[in-house]
Amino acid sequence: MTIESPGGPSAATALLDVQRLRKVYEGKGRGVEAVRDLTFTVGAGELVCIVGPSGAGKTTLLRCVAGLLNSTSGKVVLEGRTVTGPPPGMAVVFQEYGRSLFPWMTVRQNVERPLKEKRVPKAERQRLVAEALDAVGLAGSHDAHPWQLSGGMQQRVAIARAVAYEPHILLMDEPFAAVDAQTRADLEDLVRALWKRLGVTVLFVTHDIDESVYLGQRVIVLSNSPTVVLEEVPIDLPDERDQLTTRSAARFTELRGHVYRLVQRAKDGHRPQD
């Protein structure tokens, strides 16, 4: 099996450029180094997945990229500007969709809320909300409340809210971890369909190796904590993918096996210099 590792685009052409990111959590007289030295890039329109062992700092990384958490050193550059807080061209979908939706608001109101904060005119808000809900298959659920929907449908609402915001980059933090296998497969296909339809850049964090290979154009494998990039794996599967054909392909099995072995090595403490 041959796996080439050309890496991502150069910093000069990247939409997102993470440069030597380090995060140390301070407390009670001691510091815990969660992320040691992370450097990678994501090009405009790419769909890149991040995997690594449990506790590898994947969520810490995503929160730093989103401007929700200050790094100890290094920097995150989005569209040529250093991220110092939540940037206007970014949307985030979290794993705990139930906590990110307001139960007293309807589906339409939940999707519309960030647009109100963005001061989008009412007519434009209505158009964006309708298009986003239609794109995620919830065109008939505008007036429902989140508690009336299944977990998978609630996550679709969260995705619709992110899409309606018209972000340049969409960050997704293990968004399907809490749904059943069939719903997860449907949502994976939804993400790829929206990515292709909208041309948005996606950085997708997951603990599921199969999911990373199925979704991504590249998979960035992280070491154990304190975290560095172990390897970047290009995913040379056909652009058109489906759950049956793609997952049963020999190349999918080869790529999955390669990423799986990297994650196991990360669990054993392997570092790039080893």
C-alpha atoms as a PDB file:
ATOM      1  CA  MET A   1       0.000   0.000   0.000  1.00  0.00           C
ATOM      2  CA  THR A   2       1.252   3.466  -0.879  1.00  0.00           C
ATOM      3  CA  ILE A   3       0.256   6.501   1.150  1.00  0.00           C
ATOM      4  CA  GLU A   4       1.848   9.773   0.099  1.00  0.00           C
ATOM      5  CA  SER A   5       1.894  12.671   2.549  1.00  0.00           C
ATOM      6  CA  PRO A   6       2.213  15.931   0.630  1.00  0.00           C
ATOM      7  CA  GLY A   7       0.533  17.940   3.397  1.00  0.00           C
ATOM      8  CA  GLY A   8      -1.808  20.855   2.924  1.00  0.00           C
ATOM      9  CA  PRO A   9      -1.507  24.069   0.930  1.00  0.00           C
ATOM     10  CA  SER A  10       1.261  26.562   1.676  1.00  0.00           C
ATOM     11  CA  ALA A  11       0.651  29.202   4.334  1.00  0.00           C
ATOM     12  CA  ALA A  12       0.571  31.851   1.594  1.00  0.00           C
ATOM     13  CA  THR A  13      -2.409  30.237  -0.169  1.00  0.00           C
ATOM     14  CA  ALA A  14      -4.237  28.667   2.795  1.00  0.00           C
ATOM     15  CA  LEU A  15      -7.600  29.897   4.066  1.00  0.00           C
ATOM     16  CA  LEU A  16      -6.693  28.642   7.564  1.00  0.00           C
ATOM     17  CA  ASP A  17      -3.116  28.584   8.826  1.00  0.00           C
ATOM     18  CA  VAL A  18      -2.365  27.117  12.268  1.00  0.00           C
ATOM     19  CA  GLN A  19       1.181  28.055  13.250  1.00  0.00           C
ATOM     20  CA  ARG A  20       3.026  26.304  16.107  1.00  0.00           C
ATOM     21  CA  LEU A  21      -0.062  26.362  18.314  1.00  0.00           C
ATOM     22  CA  ARG A  22       0.541  25.572  21.988  1.00  0.00           C
ATOM     23  CA  LYS A  23      -1.948  25.490  24.847  1.00  0.00           C
ATOM     24  CA  VAL A  24      -1.138  25.065  28.521  1.00  0.00           C
ATOM     25  CA  TYR A  25      -3.948  24.990  31.090  1.00  0.00           C
ATOM     26  CA  GLU A  26      -2.810  26.713  34.287  1.00  0.00           C
ATOM     27  CA  GLY A  27      -4.254  25.964  37.693  1.00  0.00           C
ATOM     28  CA  LYS A  28      -3.442  25.171  41.328  1.00  0.00           C
ATOM     29  CA  GLY A  29       0.231  25.881  40.954  1.00  0.00           C
ATOM     30  CA  ARG A  30       0.830  23.639  37.965  1.00  0.00           C
ATOM     31  CA  GLY A  31       0.342  23.715  34.245  1.00  0.00           C
ATOM     32  CA  VAL A  32      -1.024  20.966  32.002  1.00  0.00           C
ATOM     33  CA  GLU A  33       0.290  21.104  28.447  1.00  0.00           C
ATOM     34  CA  ALA A  34      -2.600  19.978  26.258  1.00  0.00           C
ATOM     35  CA  VAL A  35      -1.250  21.034  22.865  1.00  0.00           C
ATOM     36  CA  ARG A  36       2.500  21.311  22.292  1.00  0.00           C
ATOM     37  CA  ASP A  37       3.218  22.325  18.706  1.00  0.00           C
ATOM     38  CA  LEU A  38       0.496  22.107  16.076  1.00  0.00           C
ATOM     39  CA  THR A  39       1.137  23.369  12.563  1.00  0.00           C
ATOM     40  CA  PHE A  40      -1.087  22.705   9.559  1.00  0.00           C
ATOM     41  CA  THR A  41      -3.019  24.503   6.839  1.00  0.00           C
ATOM     42  CA  VAL A  42      -6.445  24.149   5.246  1.00  0.00           C
ATOM     43  CA  GLY A  43      -7.109  25.452   1.746  1.00  0.00           C
ATOM     44  CA  ALA A  44     -10.244  27.250   0.608  1.00  0.00           C
ATOM     45  CA  GLY A  45     -12.962  24.737  -0.197  1.00  0.00           C
ATOM     46  CA  GLU A  46     -11.195  21.781   1.449  1.00  0.00           C
ATOM     47  CA  LEU A  47     -12.855  19.237   3.719  1.00  0.00           C
ATOM     48  CA  VAL A  48     -10.226  18.168   6.247  1.00  0.00           C
ATOM     49  CA  CYS A  49     -10.774  15.743   9.132  1.00  0.00           C
ATOM     50  CA  ILE A  50      -8.819  15.543  12.376  1.00  0.00           C
ATOM     51  CA  VAL A  51      -8.495  12.324  14.372  1.00  0.00           C
ATOM     52  CA  GLY A  52      -6.391  11.220  17.306  1.00  0.00           C
ATOM     53  CA  PRO A  53      -6.518   9.284  20.569  1.00  0.00           C
ATOM     54  CA  SER A  54      -8.965  10.263  23.301  1.00  0.00           C
ATOM     55  CA  GLY A  55      -7.543  13.191  25.227  1.00  0.00           C
ATOM     56  CA  ALA A  56      -5.346  14.258  22.308  1.00  0.00           C
ATOM     57  CA  GLY A  57      -6.548  17.855  22.475  1.00  0.00           C
ATOM     58  CA  LYS A  58      -8.844  17.785  19.449  1.00  0.00           C
ATOM     59  CA  THR A  59     -11.521  19.930  21.097  1.00  0.00           C
ATOM     60  CA  THR A  60      -8.895  22.255  22.597  1.00  0.00           C
ATOM     61  CA  LEU A  61      -7.488  22.745  19.101  1.00  0.00           C
ATOM     62  CA  LEU A  62     -10.898  23.489  17.614  1.00  0.00           C
ATOM     63  CA  ARG A  63     -11.750  25.985  20.348  1.00  0.00           C
ATOM     64  CA  CYS A  64      -8.466  27.802  19.748  1.00  0.00           C
ATOM     65  CA  VAL A  65      -9.147  27.873  16.006  1.00  0.00           C
ATOM     66  CA  ALA A  66     -12.666  29.198  16.687  1.00  0.00           C
ATOM     67  CA  GLY A  67     -11.321  31.997  18.882  1.00  0.00           C
ATOM     68  CA  LEU A  68     -13.175  30.615  21.899  1.00  0.00           C
ATOM     69  CA  LEU A  69      -9.964  29.787  23.769  1.00  0.00           C
ATOM     70  CA  ASN A  70      -6.720  31.734  23.905  1.00  0.00           C
ATOM     71  CA  SER A  71      -3.576  29.833  22.960  1.00  0.00           C
ATOM     72  CA  THR A  72      -0.457  29.974  25.115  1.00  0.00           C
ATOM     73  CA  SER A  73       1.759  30.583  22.094  1.00  0.00           C
ATOM     74  CA  GLY A  74       1.629  30.262  18.330  1.00  0.00           C
ATOM     75  CA  LYS A  75      -1.237  31.671  16.317  1.00  0.00           C
ATOM     76  CA  VAL A  76      -4.222  30.904  14.109  1.00  0.00           C
ATOM     77  CA  VAL A  77      -4.575  32.900  10.893  1.00  0.00           C
ATOM     78  CA  LEU A  78      -7.877  32.903   9.003  1.00  0.00           C
ATOM     79  CA  GLU A  79      -8.046  34.635   5.632  1.00  0.00           C
ATOM     80  CA  GLY A  80      -4.868  36.533   6.406  1.00  0.00           C
ATOM     81  CA  ARG A  81      -5.973  37.799   9.819  1.00  0.00           C
ATOM     82  CA  THR A  82      -4.835  36.510  13.205  1.00  0.00           C
ATOM     83  CA  VAL A  83      -7.725  35.022  15.194  1.00  0.00           C
ATOM     84  CA  THR A  84      -8.104  36.761  18.573  1.00  0.00           C
ATOM     85  CA  GLY A  85     -11.808  36.049  19.087  1.00  0.00           C
ATOM     86  CA  PRO A  86     -14.677  34.408  17.184  1.00  0.00           C
ATOM     87  CA  PRO A  87     -14.139  35.574  13.566  1.00  0.00           C
ATOM     88  CA  PRO A  88     -17.128  36.762  11.508  1.00  0.00           C
ATOM     89  CA  GLY A  89     -16.556  34.287   8.667  1.00  0.00           C
ATOM     90  CA  MET A  90     -16.704  31.157  10.833  1.00  0.00           C
ATOM     91  CA  ALA A  91     -19.480  28.933  12.173  1.00  0.00           C
ATOM     92  CA  VAL A  92     -19.175  26.051  14.648  1.00  0.00           C
ATOM     93  CA  VAL A  93     -21.294  22.925  15.116  1.00  0.00           C
ATOM     94  CA  PHE A  94     -20.739  21.218  18.462  1.00  0.00           C
ATOM     95  CA  GLN A  95     -21.353  17.650  19.591  1.00  0.00           C
ATOM     96  CA  GLU A  96     -23.907  18.624  22.244  1.00  0.00           C
ATOM     97  CA  TYR A  97     -26.573  19.943  19.894  1.00  0.00           C
ATOM     98  CA  GLY A  98     -29.196  19.815  22.651  1.00  0.00           C
ATOM     99  CA  ARG A  99     -27.323  22.469  24.616  1.00  0.00           C
ATOM    100  CA  SER A 100     -26.727  24.706  21.609  1.00  0.00           C
ATOM    101  CA  LEU A 101     -30.419  24.974  20.678  1.00  0.00           C
ATOM    102  CA  PHE A 102     -32.870  27.086  22.642  1.00  0.00           C
ATOM    103  CA  PRO A 103     -35.816  24.828  23.610  1.00  0.00           C
ATOM    104  CA  TRP A 104     -38.288  27.698  23.944  1.00  0.00           C
ATOM    105  CA  MET A 105     -37.609  28.840  20.381  1.00  0.00           C
ATOM    106  CA  THR A 106     -38.957  27.247  17.234  1.00  0.00           C
ATOM    107  CA  VAL A 107     -36.649  25.694  14.673  1.00  0.00           C
ATOM    108  CA  ARG A 108     -36.943  28.797  12.499  1.00  0.00           C
ATOM    109  CA  GLN A 109     -36.158  31.093  15.420  1.00  0.00           C
ATOM    110  CA  ASN A 110     -33.098  29.033  16.394  1.00  0.00           C
ATOM    111  CA  VAL A 111     -31.695  29.178  12.875  1.00  0.00           C
ATOM    112  CA  GLU A 112     -32.531  32.858  12.556  1.00  0.00           C
ATOM    113  CA  ARG A 113     -30.970  34.026  15.832  1.00  0.00           C
ATOM    114  CA  PRO A 114     -27.334  34.454  14.640  1.00  0.00           C
ATOM    115  CA  LEU A 115     -28.621  36.344  11.608  1.00  0.00           C
ATOM    116  CA  LYS A 116     -30.446  38.789  13.866  1.00  0.00           C
ATOM    117  CA  GLU A 117     -27.249  39.332  15.822  1.00  0.00           C
ATOM    118  CA  LYS A 118     -25.496  39.891  12.502  1.00  0.00           C
ATOM    119  CA  ARG A 119     -28.192  42.516  11.717  1.00  0.00           C
ATOM    120  CA  VAL A 120     -29.253  40.833   8.488  1.00  0.00           C
ATOM    121  CA  PRO A 121     -32.425  42.470   7.103  1.00  0.00           C
ATOM    122  CA  LYS A 122     -35.647  40.570   7.814  1.00  0.00           C
ATOM    123  CA  ALA A 123     -36.423  39.574   4.218  1.00  0.00           C
ATOM    124  CA  GLU A 124     -32.889  38.278   3.738  1.00  0.00           C
ATOM    125  CA  ARG A 125     -33.087  36.395   7.054  1.00  0.00           C
ATOM    126  CA  GLN A 126     -36.265  34.681   5.971  1.00  0.00           C
ATOM    127  CA  ARG A 127     -34.689  33.619   2.688  1.00  0.00           C
ATOM    128  CA  LEU A 128     -31.511  32.300   4.320  1.00  0.00           C
ATOM    129  CA  VAL A 129     -33.436  30.367   6.982  1.00  0.00           C
ATOM    130  CA  ALA A 130     -35.773  28.794   4.430  1.00  0.00           C
ATOM    131  CA  GLU A 131     -32.890  27.784   2.161  1.00  0.00           C
ATOM    132  CA  ALA A 132     -30.853  26.360   5.045  1.00  0.00           C
ATOM    133  CA  LEU A 133     -33.718  24.285   6.435  1.00  0.00           C
ATOM    134  CA  ASP A 134     -34.541  23.012   2.967  1.00  0.00           C
ATOM    135  CA  ALA A 135     -30.885  22.061   2.433  1.00  0.00           C
ATOM    136  CA  VAL A 136     -30.852  19.885   5.577  1.00  0.00           C
ATOM    137  CA  GLY A 137     -34.239  18.282   4.863  1.00  0.00           C
ATOM    138  CA  LEU A 138     -36.295  20.204   7.435  1.00  0.00           C
ATOM    139  CA  ALA A 139     -38.399  22.376   5.161  1.00  0.00           C
ATOM    140  CA  GLY A 140     -41.579  21.267   6.954  1.00  0.00           C
ATOM    141  CA  SER A 141     -40.304  21.771  10.497  1.00  0.00           C
ATOM    142  CA  HIS A 142     -40.048  25.557  10.761  1.00  0.00           C
ATOM    143  CA  ASP A 143     -42.560  25.869  13.597  1.00  0.00           C
ATOM    144  CA  ALA A 144     -41.529  22.815  15.620  1.00  0.00           C
ATOM    145  CA  HIS A 145     -39.546  23.140  18.845  1.00  0.00           C
ATOM    146  CA  PRO A 146     -36.245  21.262  19.357  1.00  0.00           C
ATOM    147  CA  TRP A 147     -37.721  19.049  22.070  1.00  0.00           C
ATOM    148  CA  GLN A 148     -40.247  17.777  19.546  1.00  0.00           C
ATOM    149  CA  LEU A 149     -37.494  16.492  17.239  1.00  0.00           C
ATOM    150  CA  SER A 150     -35.233  13.450  17.283  1.00  0.00           C
ATOM    151  CA  GLY A 151     -31.546  13.813  18.066  1.00  0.00           C
ATOM    152  CA  GLY A 152     -30.626  13.578  14.411  1.00  0.00           C
ATOM    153  CA  MET A 153     -33.153  16.237  13.453  1.00  0.00           C
ATOM    154  CA  GLN A 154     -31.886  18.525  16.221  1.00  0.00           C
ATOM    155  CA  GLN A 155     -28.363  18.217  14.831  1.00  0.00           C
ATOM    156  CA  ARG A 156     -29.732  19.074  11.387  1.00  0.00           C
ATOM    157  CA  VAL A 157     -31.149  22.264  12.940  1.00  0.00           C
ATOM    158  CA  ALA A 158     -27.700  23.077  14.346  1.00  0.00           C
ATOM    159  CA  ILE A 159     -26.148  22.493  10.913  1.00  0.00           C
ATOM    160  CA  ALA A 160     -28.840  24.627   9.253  1.00  0.00           C
ATOM    161  CA  ARG A 161     -28.099  27.453  11.686  1.00  0.00           C
ATOM    162  CA  ALA A 162     -24.422  27.284  10.750  1.00  0.00           C
ATOM    163  CA  VAL A 163     -25.146  27.134   7.011  1.00  0.00           C
ATOM    164  CA  ALA A 164     -27.605  30.054   7.127  1.00  0.00           C
ATOM    165  CA  TYR A 165     -24.830  32.203   8.567  1.00  0.00           C
ATOM    166  CA  GLU A 166     -23.006  31.779   5.225  1.00  0.00           C
ATOM    167  CA  PRO A 167     -19.604  31.061   6.773  1.00  0.00           C
ATOM    168  CA  HIS A 168     -16.361  30.846   4.842  1.00  0.00           C
ATOM    169  CA  ILE A 169     -15.253  28.017   7.130  1.00  0.00           C
ATOM    170  CA  LEU A 170     -17.322  25.536   9.127  1.00  0.00           C
ATOM    171  CA  LEU A 171     -15.832  23.881  12.212  1.00  0.00           C
ATOM    172  CA  MET A 172     -17.464  20.660  13.379  1.00  0.00           C
ATOM    173  CA  ASP A 173     -16.540  19.123  16.750  1.00  0.00           C
ATOM    174  CA  GLU A 174     -17.554  15.429  16.782  1.00  0.00           C
ATOM    175  CA  PRO A 175     -21.062  16.485  15.717  1.00  0.00           C
ATOM    176  CA  PHE A 176     -22.452  12.972  15.199  1.00  0.00           C
ATOM    177  CA  ALA A 177     -21.068  11.225  18.266  1.00  0.00           C
ATOM    178  CA  ALA A 178     -24.415  11.202  20.075  1.00  0.00           C
ATOM    179  CA  VAL A 179     -26.650   9.831  17.291  1.00  0.00           C
ATOM    180  CA  ASP A 180     -27.354   6.270  16.165  1.00  0.00           C
ATOM    181  CA  ALA A 181     -25.445   4.603  13.323  1.00  0.00           C
ATOM    182  CA  GLN A 182     -28.123   5.039  10.648  1.00  0.00           C
ATOM    183  CA  THR A 183     -28.633   8.709  11.496  1.00  0.00           C
ATOM    184  CA  ARG A 184     -24.879   9.200  11.550  1.00  0.00           C
ATOM    185  CA  ALA A 185     -24.549   7.834   8.009  1.00  0.00           C
ATOM    186  CA  ASP A 186     -27.310  10.158   6.801  1.00  0.00           C
ATOM    187  CA  LEU A 187     -25.655  13.169   8.448  1.00  0.00           C
ATOM    188  CA  GLU A 188     -22.258  12.277   6.980  1.00  0.00           C
ATOM    189  CA  ASP A 189     -23.778  12.302   3.505  1.00  0.00           C
ATOM    190  CA  LEU A 190     -25.539  15.572   4.346  1.00  0.00           C
ATOM    191  CA  VAL A 191     -22.228  17.222   5.267  1.00  0.00           C
ATOM    192  CA  ARG A 192     -20.569  16.133   2.026  1.00  0.00           C
ATOM    193  CA  ALA A 193     -23.597  17.277   0.003  1.00  0.00           C
ATOM    194  CA  LEU A 194     -23.611  20.707   1.683  1.00  0.00           C
ATOM    195  CA  TRP A 195     -19.836  21.020   1.307  1.00  0.00           C
ATOM    196  CA  LYS A 196     -20.045  20.354  -2.431  1.00  0.00           C
ATOM    197  CA  ARG A 197     -23.136  22.508  -2.915  1.00  0.00           C
ATOM    198  CA  LEU A 198     -21.923  25.549  -0.965  1.00  0.00           C
ATOM    199  CA  GLY A 199     -18.174  25.346  -1.548  1.00  0.00           C
ATOM    200  CA  VAL A 200     -17.558  26.027   2.142  1.00  0.00           C
ATOM    201  CA  THR A 201     -14.309  25.004   3.842  1.00  0.00           C
ATOM    202  CA  VAL A 202     -14.859  22.349   6.530  1.00  0.00           C
ATOM    203  CA  LEU A 203     -12.610  21.334   9.431  1.00  0.00           C
ATOM    204  CA  PHE A 204     -14.195  18.243  10.961  1.00  0.00           C
ATOM    205  CA  VAL A 205     -12.995  16.751  14.266  1.00  0.00           C
ATOM    206  CA  THR A 206     -13.980  13.146  14.955  1.00  0.00           C
ATOM    207  CA  HIS A 207     -12.882  10.142  17.002  1.00  0.00           C
ATOM    208  CA  ASP A 208     -14.285   7.818  14.316  1.00  0.00           C
ATOM    209  CA  ILE A 209     -11.559   6.669  11.904  1.00  0.00           C
ATOM    210  CA  ASP A 210     -14.003   5.329   9.298  1.00  0.00           C
ATOM    211  CA  GLU A 211     -15.895   8.613   9.331  1.00  0.00           C
ATOM    212  CA  SER A 212     -12.717  10.631   8.794  1.00  0.00           C
ATOM    213  CA  VAL A 213     -11.736   8.566   5.756  1.00  0.00           C
ATOM    214  CA  TYR A 214     -15.251   8.615   4.312  1.00  0.00           C
ATOM    215  CA  LEU A 215     -15.691  12.379   4.676  1.00  0.00           C
ATOM    216  CA  GLY A 216     -12.301  13.944   4.177  1.00  0.00           C
ATOM    217  CA  GLN A 217      -9.975  14.957   1.398  1.00  0.00           C
ATOM    218  CA  ARG A 218      -7.208  14.805   3.994  1.00  0.00           C
ATOM    219  CA  VAL A 219      -7.000  13.314   7.471  1.00  0.00           C
ATOM    220  CA  ILE A 220      -4.712  14.963  10.010  1.00  0.00           C
ATOM    221  CA  VAL A 221      -3.704  12.425  12.655  1.00  0.00           C
ATOM    222  CA  LEU A 222      -2.714  13.850  16.045  1.00  0.00           C
ATOM    223  CA  SER A 223      -0.347  12.341  18.585  1.00  0.00           C
ATOM    224  CA  ASN A 224      -1.303  11.771  22.191  1.00  0.00           C
ATOM    225  CA  SER A 225      -1.105  14.714  24.588  1.00  0.00           C
ATOM    226  CA  PRO A 226       0.827  17.043  24.563  1.00  0.00           C
ATOM    227  CA  THR A 227      -0.301  17.133  20.974  1.00  0.00           C
ATOM    228  CA  VAL A 228       1.610  17.467  17.724  1.00  0.00           C
ATOM    229  CA  VAL A 229       0.679  16.436  14.180  1.00  0.00           C
ATOM    230  CA  LEU A 230       1.674  12.811  13.689  1.00  0.00           C
ATOM    231  CA  GLU A 231       0.903  12.604   9.965  1.00  0.00           C
ATOM    232  CA  GLU A 232      -1.299  14.126   7.269  1.00  0.00           C
ATOM    233  CA  VAL A 233      -2.945  11.455   5.134  1.00  0.00           C
ATOM    234  CA  PRO A 234      -4.338  12.372   1.677  1.00  0.00           C
ATOM    235  CA  ILE A 235      -7.609  10.586   0.922  1.00  0.00           C
ATOM    236  CA  ASP A 236      -7.532   9.681  -2.755  1.00  0.00           C
ATOM    237  CA  LEU A 237     -11.018   8.182  -2.946  1.00  0.00           C
ATOM    238  CA  PRO A 238     -13.387   9.199  -5.761  1.00  0.00           C
ATOM    239  CA  ASP A 239     -15.151  12.502  -5.201  1.00  0.00           C
ATOM    240  CA  GLU A 240     -18.544  10.839  -5.501  1.00  0.00           C
ATOM    241  CA  ARG A 241     -19.018   8.694  -2.409  1.00  0.00           C
ATOM    242  CA  ASP A 242     -21.800   6.628  -0.910  1.00  0.00           C
ATOM    243  CA  GLN A 243     -22.032   4.547   2.218  1.00  0.00           C
ATOM    244  CA  LEU A 244     -22.122   1.147   0.509  1.00  0.00           C
ATOM    245  CA  THR A 245     -19.808   1.452  -2.483  1.00  0.00           C
ATOM    246  CA  THR A 246     -17.162   3.653  -0.889  1.00  0.00           C
ATOM    247  CA  ARG A 247     -16.892   1.772   2.395  1.00  0.00           C
ATOM    248  CA  SER A 248     -16.598  -1.587   0.628  1.00  0.00           C
ATOM    249  CA  ALA A 249     -13.849  -0.390  -1.737  1.00  0.00           C
ATOM    250  CA  ALA A 250     -10.359  -1.860  -1.322  1.00  0.00           C
ATOM    251  CA  ARG A 251      -8.774   1.600  -1.225  1.00  0.00           C
ATOM    252  CA  PHE A 252     -11.078   2.674   1.614  1.00  0.00           C
ATOM    253  CA  THR A 253      -9.972  -0.366   3.589  1.00  0.00           C
ATOM    254  CA  GLU A 254      -6.302   0.443   2.924  1.00  0.00           C
ATOM    255  CA  LEU A 255      -6.675   4.070   3.994  1.00  0.00           C
ATOM    256  CA  ARG A 256      -8.707   3.144   7.050  1.00  0.00           C
ATOM    257  CA  GLY A 257      -6.062   0.617   8.059  1.00  0.00           C
ATOM    258  CA  HIS A 258      -3.292   3.175   7.668  1.00  0.00           C
ATOM    259  CA  VAL A 259      -5.070   5.783   9.790  1.00  0.00           C
ATOM    260  CA  TYR A 260      -5.990   3.134  12.370  1.00  0.00           C
ATOM    261  CA  ARG A 261      -2.360   2.081  12.723  1.00  0.00           C
ATOM    262  CA  LEU A 262      -1.296   5.710  13.133  1.00  0.00           C
ATOM    263  CA  VAL A 263      -3.843   6.234  15.920  1.00  0.00           C
ATOM    264  CA  GLN A 264      -2.670   3.051  17.657  1.00  0.00           C
ATOM    265  CA  ARG A 265       0.921   4.276  17.444  1.00  0.00           C
ATOM    266  CA  ALA A 266      -0.193   7.594  18.895  1.00  0.00           C
ATOM    267  CA  LYS A 267      -1.815   5.766  21.812  1.00  0.00           C
ATOM    268  CA  ASP A 268       1.516   3.996  22.391  1.00  0.00           C
ATOM    269  CA  GLY A 269       3.248   7.360  22.682  1.00  0.00           C
ATOM    270  CA  HIS A 270       4.841   7.558  19.224  1.00  0.00           C
ATOM    271  CA  ARG A 271       5.944  11.054  18.218  1.00  0.00           C
ATOM    272  CA  PRO A 272       7.028  12.265  14.746  1.00  0.00           C
ATOM    273  CA  GLN A 273      10.693  12.362  15.762  1.00  0.00           C
ATOM    274  CA  ASP A 274      10.585   8.759  17.064  1.00  0.00           C
END
